[in-house]
PDB file of N, CA and C in Angstrom:
ATOM      1  N   MET A   1     -62.384 123.208 -30.552  1.00  0.00           N
ATOM      2  CA  MET A   1     -63.357 122.678 -29.607  1.00  0.00           C
ATOM      3  C   MET A   1     -62.715 122.732 -28.227  1.00  0.00           C
ATOM      4  N   SER A   2     -63.445 123.228 -27.248  1.00  0.00           N
ATOM      5  CA  SER A   2     -62.897 123.311 -25.899  1.00  0.00           C
ATOM      6  C   SER A   2     -62.711 121.916 -25.310  1.00  0.00           C
ATOM      7  N   ARG A   3     -61.814 121.827 -24.334  1.00  0.00           N
ATOM      8  CA  ARG A   3     -61.527 120.527 -23.713  1.00  0.00           C
ATOM      9  C   ARG A   3     -62.772 119.950 -23.045  1.00  0.00           C
ATOM     10  N   ALA A   4     -63.541 120.791 -22.345  1.00  0.00           N
ATOM     11  CA  ALA A   4     -64.758 120.304 -21.676  1.00  0.00           C
ATOM     12  C   ALA A   4     -65.749 119.767 -22.697  1.00  0.00           C
ATOM     13  N   ARG A   5     -65.889 120.471 -23.797  1.00  0.00           N
ATOM     14  CA  ARG A   5     -66.836 120.018 -24.822  1.00  0.00           C
ATOM     15  C   ARG A   5     -66.343 118.746 -25.502  1.00  0.00           C
ATOM     16  N   ALA A   6     -65.029 118.656 -25.719  1.00  0.00           N
ATOM     17  CA  ALA A   6     -64.457 117.443 -26.323  1.00  0.00           C
ATOM     18  C   ALA A   6     -64.696 116.244 -25.427  1.00  0.00           C
ATOM     19  N   ASN A   7     -64.604 116.425 -24.122  1.00  0.00           N
ATOM     20  CA  ASN A   7     -64.835 115.324 -23.191  1.00  0.00           C
ATOM     21  C   ASN A   7     -66.279 114.855 -23.220  1.00  0.00           C
ATOM     22  N   ALA A   8     -67.204 115.722 -23.597  1.00  0.00           N
ATOM     23  CA  ALA A   8     -68.616 115.366 -23.627  1.00  0.00           C
ATOM     24  C   ALA A   8     -69.071 114.892 -25.014  1.00  0.00           C
ATOM     25  N   ASP A   9     -68.152 114.782 -25.949  1.00  0.00           N
ATOM     26  CA  ASP A   9     -68.489 114.413 -27.319  1.00  0.00           C
ATOM     27  C   ASP A   9     -68.754 112.911 -27.423  1.00  0.00           C
ATOM     28  N   VAL A  10     -69.946 112.569 -27.840  1.00  0.00           N
ATOM     29  CA  VAL A  10     -70.346 111.167 -27.963  1.00  0.00           C
ATOM     30  C   VAL A  10     -69.476 110.447 -28.997  1.00  0.00           C
ATOM     31  N   PHE A  11     -69.163 111.106 -30.098  1.00  0.00           N
ATOM     32  CA  PHE A  11     -68.352 110.478 -31.140  1.00  0.00           C
ATOM     33  C   PHE A  11     -66.959 110.157 -30.616  1.00  0.00           C
ATOM     34  N   ARG A  12     -66.381 111.051 -29.843  1.00  0.00           N
ATOM     35  CA  ARG A  12     -65.063 110.802 -29.251  1.00  0.00           C
ATOM     36  C   ARG A  12     -65.155 109.639 -28.269  1.00  0.00           C
ATOM     37  N   ALA A  13     -66.227 109.609 -27.509  1.00  0.00           N
ATOM     38  CA  ALA A  13     -66.385 108.553 -26.501  1.00  0.00           C
ATOM     39  C   ALA A  13     -66.470 107.175 -27.135  1.00  0.00           C
ATOM     40  N   ILE A  14     -67.171 107.054 -28.240  1.00  0.00           N
ATOM     41  CA  ILE A  14     -67.343 105.725 -28.847  1.00  0.00           C
ATOM     42  C   ILE A  14     -66.240 105.397 -29.849  1.00  0.00           C
ATOM     43  N   ALA A  15     -65.291 106.313 -30.041  1.00  0.00           N
ATOM     44  CA  ALA A  15     -64.204 106.056 -30.983  1.00  0.00           C
ATOM     45  C   ALA A  15     -63.263 104.963 -30.497  1.00  0.00           C
ATOM     46  N   ASP A  16     -63.189 104.767 -29.193  1.00  0.00           N
ATOM     47  CA  ASP A  16     -62.266 103.798 -28.624  1.00  0.00           C
ATOM     48  C   ASP A  16     -62.932 102.420 -28.511  1.00  0.00           C
ATOM     49  N   PRO A  17     -62.275 101.348 -28.960  1.00  0.00           N
ATOM     50  CA  PRO A  17     -62.884 100.016 -28.909  1.00  0.00           C
ATOM     51  C   PRO A  17     -63.167  99.520 -27.486  1.00  0.00           C
ATOM     52  N   THR A  18     -62.338  99.906 -26.523  1.00  0.00           N
ATOM     53  CA  THR A  18     -62.605  99.489 -25.139  1.00  0.00           C
ATOM     54  C   THR A  18     -63.874 100.144 -24.624  1.00  0.00           C
ATOM     55  N   ARG A  19     -64.066 101.413 -24.944  1.00  0.00           N
ATOM     56  CA  ARG A  19     -65.287 102.099 -24.490  1.00  0.00           C
ATOM     57  C   ARG A  19     -66.521 101.508 -25.165  1.00  0.00           C
ATOM     58  N   ARG A  20     -66.396 101.134 -26.438  1.00  0.00           N
ATOM     59  CA  ARG A  20     -67.537 100.475 -27.099  1.00  0.00           C
ATOM     60  C   ARG A  20     -67.825  99.139 -26.434  1.00  0.00           C
ATOM     61  N   ALA A  21     -66.781  98.424 -26.047  1.00  0.00           N
ATOM     62  CA  ALA A  21     -66.973  97.140 -25.355  1.00  0.00           C
ATOM     63  C   ALA A  21     -67.627  97.343 -23.991  1.00  0.00           C
ATOM     64  N   ILE A  22     -67.270  98.408 -23.304  1.00  0.00           N
ATOM     65  CA  ILE A  22     -67.909  98.716 -22.012  1.00  0.00           C
ATOM     66  C   ILE A  22     -69.390  98.982 -22.228  1.00  0.00           C
ATOM     67  N   LEU A  23     -69.721  99.747 -23.259  1.00  0.00           N
ATOM     68  CA  LEU A  23     -71.134 100.007 -23.557  1.00  0.00           C
ATOM     69  C   LEU A  23     -71.865  98.709 -23.888  1.00  0.00           C
ATOM     70  N   ASP A  24     -71.216  97.841 -24.661  1.00  0.00           N
ATOM     71  CA  ASP A  24     -71.823  96.538 -24.977  1.00  0.00           C
ATOM     72  C   ASP A  24     -72.066  95.736 -23.707  1.00  0.00           C
ATOM     73  N   ARG A  25     -71.111  95.767 -22.798  1.00  0.00           N
ATOM     74  CA  ARG A  25     -71.260  95.038 -21.527  1.00  0.00           C
ATOM     75  C   ARG A  25     -72.418  95.610 -20.712  1.00  0.00           C
ATOM     76  N   LEU A  26     -72.540  96.940 -20.680  1.00  0.00           N
ATOM     77  CA  LEU A  26     -73.604  97.570 -19.897  1.00  0.00           C
ATOM     78  C   LEU A  26     -74.971  97.421 -20.559  1.00  0.00           C
ATOM     79  N   ARG A  27     -74.985  97.097 -21.822  1.00  0.00           N
ATOM     80  CA  ARG A  27     -76.259  96.826 -22.491  1.00  0.00           C
ATOM     81  C   ARG A  27     -76.941  95.621 -21.861  1.00  0.00           C
ATOM     82  N   ALA A  28     -76.151  94.702 -21.310  1.00  0.00           N
ATOM     83  CA  ALA A  28     -76.693  93.511 -20.645  1.00  0.00           C
ATOM     84  C   ALA A  28     -77.255  93.843 -19.260  1.00  0.00           C
ATOM     85  N   GLY A  29     -76.932  95.022 -18.740  1.00  0.00           N
ATOM     86  CA  GLY A  29     -77.443  95.420 -17.433  1.00  0.00           C
ATOM     87  C   GLY A  29     -76.386  96.163 -16.635  1.00  0.00           C
ATOM     88  N   PRO A  30     -76.814  96.839 -15.579  1.00  0.00           N
ATOM     89  CA  PRO A  30     -75.867  97.600 -14.747  1.00  0.00           C
ATOM     90  C   PRO A  30     -74.794  96.698 -14.143  1.00  0.00           C
ATOM     91  N   ALA A  31     -73.653  97.300 -13.848  1.00  0.00           N
ATOM     92  CA  ALA A  31     -72.549  96.563 -13.228  1.00  0.00           C
ATOM     93  C   ALA A  31     -71.823  97.482 -12.261  1.00  0.00           C
ATOM     94  N   ASN A  32     -71.300  96.893 -11.185  1.00  0.00           N
ATOM     95  CA  ASN A  32     -70.481  97.697 -10.284  1.00  0.00           C
ATOM     96  C   ASN A  32     -69.084  97.814 -10.885  1.00  0.00           C
ATOM     97  N   ALA A  33     -68.296  98.704 -10.308  1.00  0.00           N
ATOM     98  CA  ALA A  33     -66.980  99.003 -10.868  1.00  0.00           C
ATOM     99  C   ALA A  33     -66.089  97.765 -10.929  1.00  0.00           C
ATOM    100  N   GLY A  34     -66.094  96.965  -9.881  1.00  0.00           N
ATOM    101  CA  GLY A  34     -65.250  95.773  -9.850  1.00  0.00           C
ATOM    102  C   GLY A  34     -65.637  94.752 -10.898  1.00  0.00           C
ATOM    103  N   ALA A  35     -66.916  94.501 -11.035  1.00  0.00           N
ATOM    104  CA  ALA A  35     -67.392  93.536 -12.031  1.00  0.00           C
ATOM    105  C   ALA A  35     -67.097  94.030 -13.440  1.00  0.00           C
ATOM    106  N   LEU A  36     -67.253  95.312 -13.645  1.00  0.00           N
ATOM    107  CA  LEU A  36     -66.982  95.882 -14.962  1.00  0.00           C
ATOM    108  C   LEU A  36     -65.499  95.733 -15.305  1.00  0.00           C
ATOM    109  N   ALA A  37     -64.637  96.064 -14.364  1.00  0.00           N
ATOM    110  CA  ALA A  37     -63.187  95.951 -14.602  1.00  0.00           C
ATOM    111  C   ALA A  37     -62.769  94.497 -14.798  1.00  0.00           C
ATOM    112  N   ALA A  38     -63.437  93.578 -14.127  1.00  0.00           N
ATOM    113  CA  ALA A  38     -63.081  92.157 -14.237  1.00  0.00           C
ATOM    114  C   ALA A  38     -63.358  91.603 -15.637  1.00  0.00           C
ATOM    115  N   ASP A  39     -64.226  92.250 -16.380  1.00  0.00           N
ATOM    116  CA  ASP A  39     -64.557  91.798 -17.729  1.00  0.00           C
ATOM    117  C   ASP A  39     -63.493  92.162 -18.767  1.00  0.00           C
ATOM    118  N   PHE A  40     -62.468  92.915 -18.350  1.00  0.00           N
ATOM    119  CA  PHE A  40     -61.465  93.400 -19.292  1.00  0.00           C
ATOM    120  C   PHE A  40     -60.065  93.037 -18.824  1.00  0.00           C
ATOM    121  N   ASP A  41     -59.128  92.992 -19.770  1.00  0.00           N
ATOM    122  CA  ASP A  41     -57.740  92.669 -19.473  1.00  0.00           C
ATOM    123  C   ASP A  41     -56.942  93.890 -19.038  1.00  0.00           C
ATOM    124  N   GLN A  42     -57.576  95.040 -18.960  1.00  0.00           N
ATOM    125  CA  GLN A  42     -56.897  96.251 -18.547  1.00  0.00           C
ATOM    126  C   GLN A  42     -56.991  96.421 -17.034  1.00  0.00           C
ATOM    127  N   THR A  43     -56.165  97.313 -16.507  1.00  0.00           N
ATOM    128  CA  THR A  43     -56.194  97.563 -15.066  1.00  0.00           C
ATOM    129  C   THR A  43     -57.478  98.294 -14.696  1.00  0.00           C
ATOM    130  N   ARG A  44     -57.825  98.194 -13.427  1.00  0.00           N
ATOM    131  CA  ARG A  44     -59.027  98.878 -12.960  1.00  0.00           C
ATOM    132  C   ARG A  44     -58.928 100.398 -13.156  1.00  0.00           C
ATOM    133  N   PRO A  45     -57.764 101.035 -12.868  1.00  0.00           N
ATOM    134  CA  PRO A  45     -57.668 102.470 -13.140  1.00  0.00           C
ATOM    135  C   PRO A  45     -57.854 102.822 -14.625  1.00  0.00           C
ATOM    136  N   ALA A  46     -57.378 101.960 -15.515  1.00  0.00           N
ATOM    137  CA  ALA A  46     -57.552 102.218 -16.946  1.00  0.00           C
ATOM    138  C   ALA A  46     -59.033 102.152 -17.323  1.00  0.00           C
ATOM    139  N   ILE A  47     -59.724 101.147 -16.811  1.00  0.00           N
ATOM    140  CA  ILE A  47     -61.163 101.036 -17.087  1.00  0.00           C
ATOM    141  C   ILE A  47     -61.901 102.219 -16.476  1.00  0.00           C
ATOM    142  N   SER A  48     -61.473 102.647 -15.309  1.00  0.00           N
ATOM    143  CA  SER A  48     -62.083 103.804 -14.657  1.00  0.00           C
ATOM    144  C   SER A  48     -61.967 105.056 -15.528  1.00  0.00           C
ATOM    145  N   LYS A  49     -60.828 105.231 -16.184  1.00  0.00           N
ATOM    146  CA  LYS A  49     -60.658 106.379 -17.077  1.00  0.00           C
ATOM    147  C   LYS A  49     -61.598 106.286 -18.272  1.00  0.00           C
ATOM    148  N   HIS A  50     -61.754 105.089 -18.803  1.00  0.00           N
ATOM    149  CA  HIS A  50     -62.687 104.905 -19.918  1.00  0.00           C
ATOM    150  C   HIS A  50     -64.117 105.204 -19.478  1.00  0.00           C
ATOM    151  N   VAL A  51     -64.473 104.733 -18.292  1.00  0.00           N
ATOM    152  CA  VAL A  51     -65.828 104.977 -17.776  1.00  0.00           C
ATOM    153  C   VAL A  51     -66.050 106.475 -17.572  1.00  0.00           C
ATOM    154  N   LYS A  52     -65.031 107.191 -17.129  1.00  0.00           N
ATOM    155  CA  LYS A  52     -65.165 108.638 -16.937  1.00  0.00           C
ATOM    156  C   LYS A  52     -65.477 109.333 -18.263  1.00  0.00           C
ATOM    157  N   VAL A  53     -64.799 108.935 -19.329  1.00  0.00           N
ATOM    158  CA  VAL A  53     -65.087 109.515 -20.651  1.00  0.00           C
ATOM    159  C   VAL A  53     -66.542 109.235 -21.034  1.00  0.00           C
ATOM    160  N   LEU A  54     -67.000 108.015 -20.783  1.00  0.00           N
ATOM    161  CA  LEU A  54     -68.387 107.650 -21.095  1.00  0.00           C
ATOM    162  C   LEU A  54     -69.371 108.422 -20.224  1.00  0.00           C
ATOM    163  N   ARG A  55     -69.019 108.637 -18.969  1.00  0.00           N
ATOM    164  CA  ARG A  55     -69.882 109.434 -18.082  1.00  0.00           C
ATOM    165  C   ARG A  55     -69.931 110.884 -18.545  1.00  0.00           C
ATOM    166  N   ASP A  56     -68.771 111.452 -18.924  1.00  0.00           N
ATOM    167  CA  ASP A  56     -68.733 112.834 -19.404  1.00  0.00           C
ATOM    168  C   ASP A  56     -69.591 113.017 -20.647  1.00  0.00           C
ATOM    169  N   ALA A  57     -69.671 111.981 -21.472  1.00  0.00           N
ATOM    170  CA  ALA A  57     -70.502 112.026 -22.683  1.00  0.00           C
ATOM    171  C   ALA A  57     -71.955 111.648 -22.383  1.00  0.00           C
ATOM    172  N   ARG A  58     -72.255 111.394 -21.122  1.00  0.00           N
ATOM    173  CA  ARG A  58     -73.600 111.040 -20.642  1.00  0.00           C
ATOM    174  C   ARG A  58     -74.085 109.705 -21.200  1.00  0.00           C
ATOM    175  N   LEU A  59     -73.150 108.855 -21.647  1.00  0.00           N
ATOM    176  CA  LEU A  59     -73.516 107.527 -22.128  1.00  0.00           C
ATOM    177  C   LEU A  59     -73.643 106.526 -20.993  1.00  0.00           C
ATOM    178  N   VAL A  60     -73.047 106.844 -19.864  1.00  0.00           N
ATOM    179  CA  VAL A  60     -73.088 105.987 -18.682  1.00  0.00           C
ATOM    180  C   VAL A  60     -73.501 106.842 -17.498  1.00  0.00           C
ATOM    181  N   VAL A  61     -74.394 106.294 -16.694  1.00  0.00           N
ATOM    182  CA  VAL A  61     -74.868 106.962 -15.480  1.00  0.00           C
ATOM    183  C   VAL A  61     -74.334 106.196 -14.287  1.00  0.00           C
ATOM    184  N   GLU A  62     -73.811 106.929 -13.325  1.00  0.00           N
ATOM    185  CA  GLU A  62     -73.278 106.312 -12.111  1.00  0.00           C
ATOM    186  C   GLU A  62     -74.252 106.510 -10.962  1.00  0.00           C
ATOM    187  N   THR A  63     -74.505 105.443 -10.236  1.00  0.00           N
ATOM    188  CA  THR A  63     -75.283 105.540  -8.997  1.00  0.00           C
ATOM    189  C   THR A  63     -74.463 104.901  -7.890  1.00  0.00           C
ATOM    190  N   ARG A  64     -74.722 105.329  -6.672  1.00  0.00           N
ATOM    191  CA  ARG A  64     -73.976 104.791  -5.539  1.00  0.00           C
ATOM    192  C   ARG A  64     -74.938 104.133  -4.571  1.00  0.00           C
ATOM    193  N   SER A  65     -74.471 103.032  -4.042  1.00  0.00           N
ATOM    194  CA  SER A  65     -75.194 102.323  -2.995  1.00  0.00           C
ATOM    195  C   SER A  65     -74.153 101.982  -1.935  1.00  0.00           C
ATOM    196  N   GLY A  66     -74.140 102.776  -0.881  1.00  0.00           N
ATOM    197  CA  GLY A  66     -73.089 102.623   0.117  1.00  0.00           C
ATOM    198  C   GLY A  66     -71.763 103.011  -0.504  1.00  0.00           C
ATOM    199  N   ARG A  67     -70.790 102.126  -0.421  1.00  0.00           N
ATOM    200  CA  ARG A  67     -69.480 102.389  -1.009  1.00  0.00           C
ATOM    201  C   ARG A  67     -69.375 101.923  -2.456  1.00  0.00           C
ATOM    202  N   GLU A  68     -70.351 101.189  -2.906  1.00  0.00           N
ATOM    203  CA  GLU A  68     -70.328 100.653  -4.279  1.00  0.00           C
ATOM    204  C   GLU A  68     -70.813 101.686  -5.293  1.00  0.00           C
ATOM    205  N   ARG A  69     -70.172 101.671  -6.449  1.00  0.00           N
ATOM    206  CA  ARG A  69     -70.606 102.484  -7.584  1.00  0.00           C
ATOM    207  C   ARG A  69     -71.128 101.538  -8.648  1.00  0.00           C
ATOM    208  N   TYR A  70     -72.284 101.848  -9.156  1.00  0.00           N
ATOM    209  CA  TYR A  70     -72.891 101.047 -10.214  1.00  0.00           C
ATOM    210  C   TYR A  70     -73.013 101.905 -11.462  1.00  0.00           C
ATOM    211  N   TYR A  71     -72.778 101.272 -12.594  1.00  0.00           N
ATOM    212  CA  TYR A  71     -72.835 101.978 -13.869  1.00  0.00           C
ATOM    213  C   TYR A  71     -73.935 101.370 -14.731  1.00  0.00           C
ATOM    214  N   LYS A  72     -74.663 102.275 -15.384  1.00  0.00           N
ATOM    215  CA  LYS A  72     -75.792 101.863 -16.220  1.00  0.00           C
ATOM    216  C   LYS A  72     -75.709 102.608 -17.542  1.00  0.00           C
ATOM    217  N   LEU A  73     -76.052 101.929 -18.605  1.00  0.00           N
ATOM    218  CA  LEU A  73     -76.051 102.516 -19.944  1.00  0.00           C
ATOM    219  C   LEU A  73     -77.168 103.540 -20.071  1.00  0.00           C
ATOM    220  N   ASN A  74     -76.849 104.685 -20.663  1.00  0.00           N
ATOM    221  CA  ASN A  74     -77.842 105.682 -21.041  1.00  0.00           C
ATOM    222  C   ASN A  74     -77.744 105.843 -22.559  1.00  0.00           C
ATOM    223  N   PRO A  75     -78.614 105.194 -23.324  1.00  0.00           N
ATOM    224  CA  PRO A  75     -78.470 105.191 -24.779  1.00  0.00           C
ATOM    225  C   PRO A  75     -78.930 106.478 -25.470  1.00  0.00           C
ATOM    226  N   VAL A  76     -79.559 107.392 -24.760  1.00  0.00           N
ATOM    227  CA  VAL A  76     -80.126 108.593 -25.388  1.00  0.00           C
ATOM    228  C   VAL A  76     -79.095 109.393 -26.188  1.00  0.00           C
ATOM    229  N   PRO A  77     -77.883 109.655 -25.669  1.00  0.00           N
ATOM    230  CA  PRO A  77     -76.922 110.425 -26.469  1.00  0.00           C
ATOM    231  C   PRO A  77     -76.509 109.744 -27.774  1.00  0.00           C
ATOM    232  N   LEU A  78     -76.724 108.445 -27.884  1.00  0.00           N
ATOM    233  CA  LEU A  78     -76.386 107.746 -29.124  1.00  0.00           C
ATOM    234  C   LEU A  78     -77.303 108.152 -30.276  1.00  0.00           C
ATOM    235  N   GLN A  79     -78.401 108.836 -29.974  1.00  0.00           N
ATOM    236  CA  GLN A  79     -79.287 109.321 -31.035  1.00  0.00           C
ATOM    237  C   GLN A  79     -78.542 110.232 -31.997  1.00  0.00           C
ATOM    238  N   ALA A  80     -77.562 110.993 -31.479  1.00  0.00           N
ATOM    239  CA  ALA A  80     -76.767 111.861 -32.358  1.00  0.00           C
ATOM    240  C   ALA A  80     -75.991 111.034 -33.371  1.00  0.00           C
ATOM    241  N   VAL A  81     -75.478 109.900 -32.939  1.00  0.00           N
ATOM    242  CA  VAL A  81     -74.730 109.018 -33.831  1.00  0.00           C
ATOM    243  C   VAL A  81     -75.665 108.406 -34.864  1.00  0.00           C
ATOM    244  N   VAL A  82     -76.821 107.968 -34.417  1.00  0.00           N
ATOM    245  CA  VAL A  82     -77.806 107.379 -35.328  1.00  0.00           C
ATOM    246  C   VAL A  82     -78.202 108.389 -36.399  1.00  0.00           C
ATOM    247  N   GLY A  83     -78.446 109.622 -35.987  1.00  0.00           N
ATOM    248  CA  GLY A  83     -78.818 110.664 -36.943  1.00  0.00           C
ATOM    249  C   GLY A  83     -77.734 110.920 -37.972  1.00  0.00           C
ATOM    250  N   TRP A  84     -76.493 110.926 -37.529  1.00  0.00           N
ATOM    251  CA  TRP A  84     -75.376 111.160 -38.429  1.00  0.00           C
ATOM    252  C   TRP A  84     -75.234 110.003 -39.419  1.00  0.00           C
ATOM    253  N   VAL A  85     -75.324 108.781 -38.936  1.00  0.00           N
ATOM    254  CA  VAL A  85     -75.192 107.605 -39.799  1.00  0.00           C
ATOM    255  C   VAL A  85     -76.351 107.544 -40.791  1.00  0.00           C
ATOM    256  N   GLU A  86     -77.546 107.867 -40.352  1.00  0.00           N
ATOM    257  CA  GLU A  86     -78.710 107.830 -41.249  1.00  0.00           C
ATOM    258  C   GLU A  86     -78.532 108.765 -42.434  1.00  0.00           C
ATOM    259  N   GLY A  87     -77.811 109.852 -42.223  1.00  0.00           N
ATOM    260  CA  GLY A  87     -77.561 110.779 -43.320  1.00  0.00           C
ATOM    261  C   GLY A  87     -76.792 110.151 -44.467  1.00  0.00           C
ATOM    262  N   TYR A  88     -76.080 109.086 -44.194  1.00  0.00           N
ATOM    263  CA  TYR A  88     -75.298 108.404 -45.219  1.00  0.00           C
ATOM    264  C   TYR A  88     -76.013 107.202 -45.829  1.00  0.00           C
ATOM    265  N   ARG A  89     -77.139 106.830 -45.270  1.00  0.00           N
ATOM    266  CA  ARG A  89     -77.860 105.654 -45.773  1.00  0.00           C
ATOM    267  C   ARG A  89     -78.222 105.803 -47.253  1.00  0.00           C
ATOM    268  N   SER A  90     -78.823 106.923 -47.630  1.00  0.00           N
ATOM    269  CA  SER A  90     -79.228 107.097 -49.030  1.00  0.00           C
ATOM    270  C   SER A  90     -78.011 107.181 -49.940  1.00  0.00           C
ATOM    271  N   PHE A  91     -76.931 107.771 -49.455  1.00  0.00           N
ATOM    272  CA  PHE A  91     -75.693 107.829 -50.239  1.00  0.00           C
ATOM    273  C   PHE A  91     -75.214 106.428 -50.580  1.00  0.00           C
ATOM    274  N   TRP A  92     -75.140 105.555 -49.567  1.00  0.00           N
ATOM    275  CA  TRP A  92     -74.646 104.198 -49.806  1.00  0.00           C
ATOM    276  C   TRP A  92     -75.613 103.385 -50.654  1.00  0.00           C
ATOM    277  N   GLN A  93     -76.900 103.572 -50.440  1.00  0.00           N
ATOM    278  CA  GLN A  93     -77.861 102.820 -51.245  1.00  0.00           C
ATOM    279  C   GLN A  93     -77.766 103.209 -52.713  1.00  0.00           C
ATOM    280  N   SER A  94     -77.663 104.504 -52.987  1.00  0.00           N
ATOM    281  CA  SER A  94     -77.564 104.913 -54.396  1.00  0.00           C
ATOM    282  C   SER A  94     -76.216 104.504 -54.985  1.00  0.00           C
ATOM    283  N   SER A  95     -75.154 104.567 -54.189  1.00  0.00           N
ATOM    284  CA  SER A  95     -73.833 104.145 -54.675  1.00  0.00           C
ATOM    285  C   SER A  95     -73.824 102.658 -54.998  1.00  0.00           C
ATOM    286  N   LEU A  96     -74.424 101.860 -54.163  1.00  0.00           N
ATOM    287  CA  LEU A  96     -74.472 100.421 -54.418  1.00  0.00           C
ATOM    288  C   LEU A  96     -75.360 100.097 -55.609  1.00  0.00           C
ATOM    289  N   SER A  97     -76.436 100.855 -55.777  1.00  0.00           N
ATOM    290  CA  SER A  97     -77.299 100.647 -56.947  1.00  0.00           C
ATOM    291  C   SER A  97     -76.542 100.966 -58.230  1.00  0.00           C
ATOM    292  N   ARG A  98     -75.773 102.054 -58.226  1.00  0.00           N
ATOM    293  CA  ARG A  98     -74.969 102.410 -59.411  1.00  0.00           C
ATOM    294  C   ARG A  98     -73.920 101.319 -59.677  1.00  0.00           C
ATOM    295  N   LEU A  99     -73.290 100.840 -58.637  1.00  0.00           N
ATOM    296  CA  LEU A  99     -72.279  99.783 -58.788  1.00  0.00           C
ATOM    297  C   LEU A  99     -72.925  98.541 -59.397  1.00  0.00           C
ATOM    298  N   LYS A 100     -74.088  98.161 -58.907  1.00  0.00           N
ATOM    299  CA  LYS A 100     -74.780  96.984 -59.422  1.00  0.00           C
ATOM    300  C   LYS A 100     -75.086  97.152 -60.910  1.00  0.00           C
ATOM    301  N   ARG A 101     -75.603  98.330 -61.269  1.00  0.00           N
ATOM    302  CA  ARG A 101     -75.920  98.578 -62.692  1.00  0.00           C
ATOM    303  C   ARG A 101     -74.658  98.492 -63.552  1.00  0.00           C
ATOM    304  N   ASN A 102     -73.551  99.047 -63.050  1.00  0.00           N
ATOM    305  CA  ASN A 102     -72.284  98.997 -63.809  1.00  0.00           C
ATOM    306  C   ASN A 102     -71.774  97.570 -63.957  1.00  0.00           C
ATOM    307  N   LEU A 103     -71.882  96.784 -62.907  1.00  0.00           N
ATOM    308  CA  LEU A 103     -71.410  95.409 -62.967  1.00  0.00           C
ATOM    309  C   LEU A 103     -72.275  94.547 -63.857  1.00  0.00           C
ATOM    310  N   GLU A 104     -73.564  94.854 -63.919  1.00  0.00           N
ATOM    311  CA  GLU A 104     -74.473  94.098 -64.777  1.00  0.00           C
ATOM    312  C   GLU A 104     -74.441  94.600 -66.219  1.00  0.00           C
ATOM    313  N   GLY A 105     -73.728  95.704 -66.455  1.00  0.00           N
ATOM    314  CA  GLY A 105     -73.600  96.230 -67.819  1.00  0.00           C
ATOM    315  C   GLY A 105     -74.802  97.004 -68.285  1.00  0.00           C
ATOM    316  N   THR A 106     -75.656  97.446 -67.372  1.00  0.00           N
ATOM    317  CA  THR A 106     -76.799  98.255 -67.753  1.00  0.00           C
ATOM    318  C   THR A 106     -76.586  99.686 -67.254  1.00  0.00           C
ATOM    319  N   SER A 107     -77.248 100.631 -67.866  1.00  0.00           N
ATOM    320  CA  SER A 107     -77.089 102.019 -67.447  1.00  0.00           C
ATOM    321  C   SER A 107     -78.353 102.578 -66.924  1.00  0.00           C
TER     322      SER A 107
END
């Protein structure tokens, strides 16, 4: 996978717990860079790097108002994740049904 494509990968973007926490924070509404960084124990440059990964994956949209940068959640790319997870729903349901039957001693 090319580096540019890897940077735009939604799965890679949400693999990190800090980036998932940033998305959770932005679910409550847009935030400027300072407010977003203040919500975390990491340095502002570290949070900025996480936000860049999220922007590259199109999960976060940046807008500017004067010198301020505001970040807003864009949930559309998460549809790929939902689709992938849904593919496993029937697998887990049938696996749990088999487990239940085995534990109850029925076939």
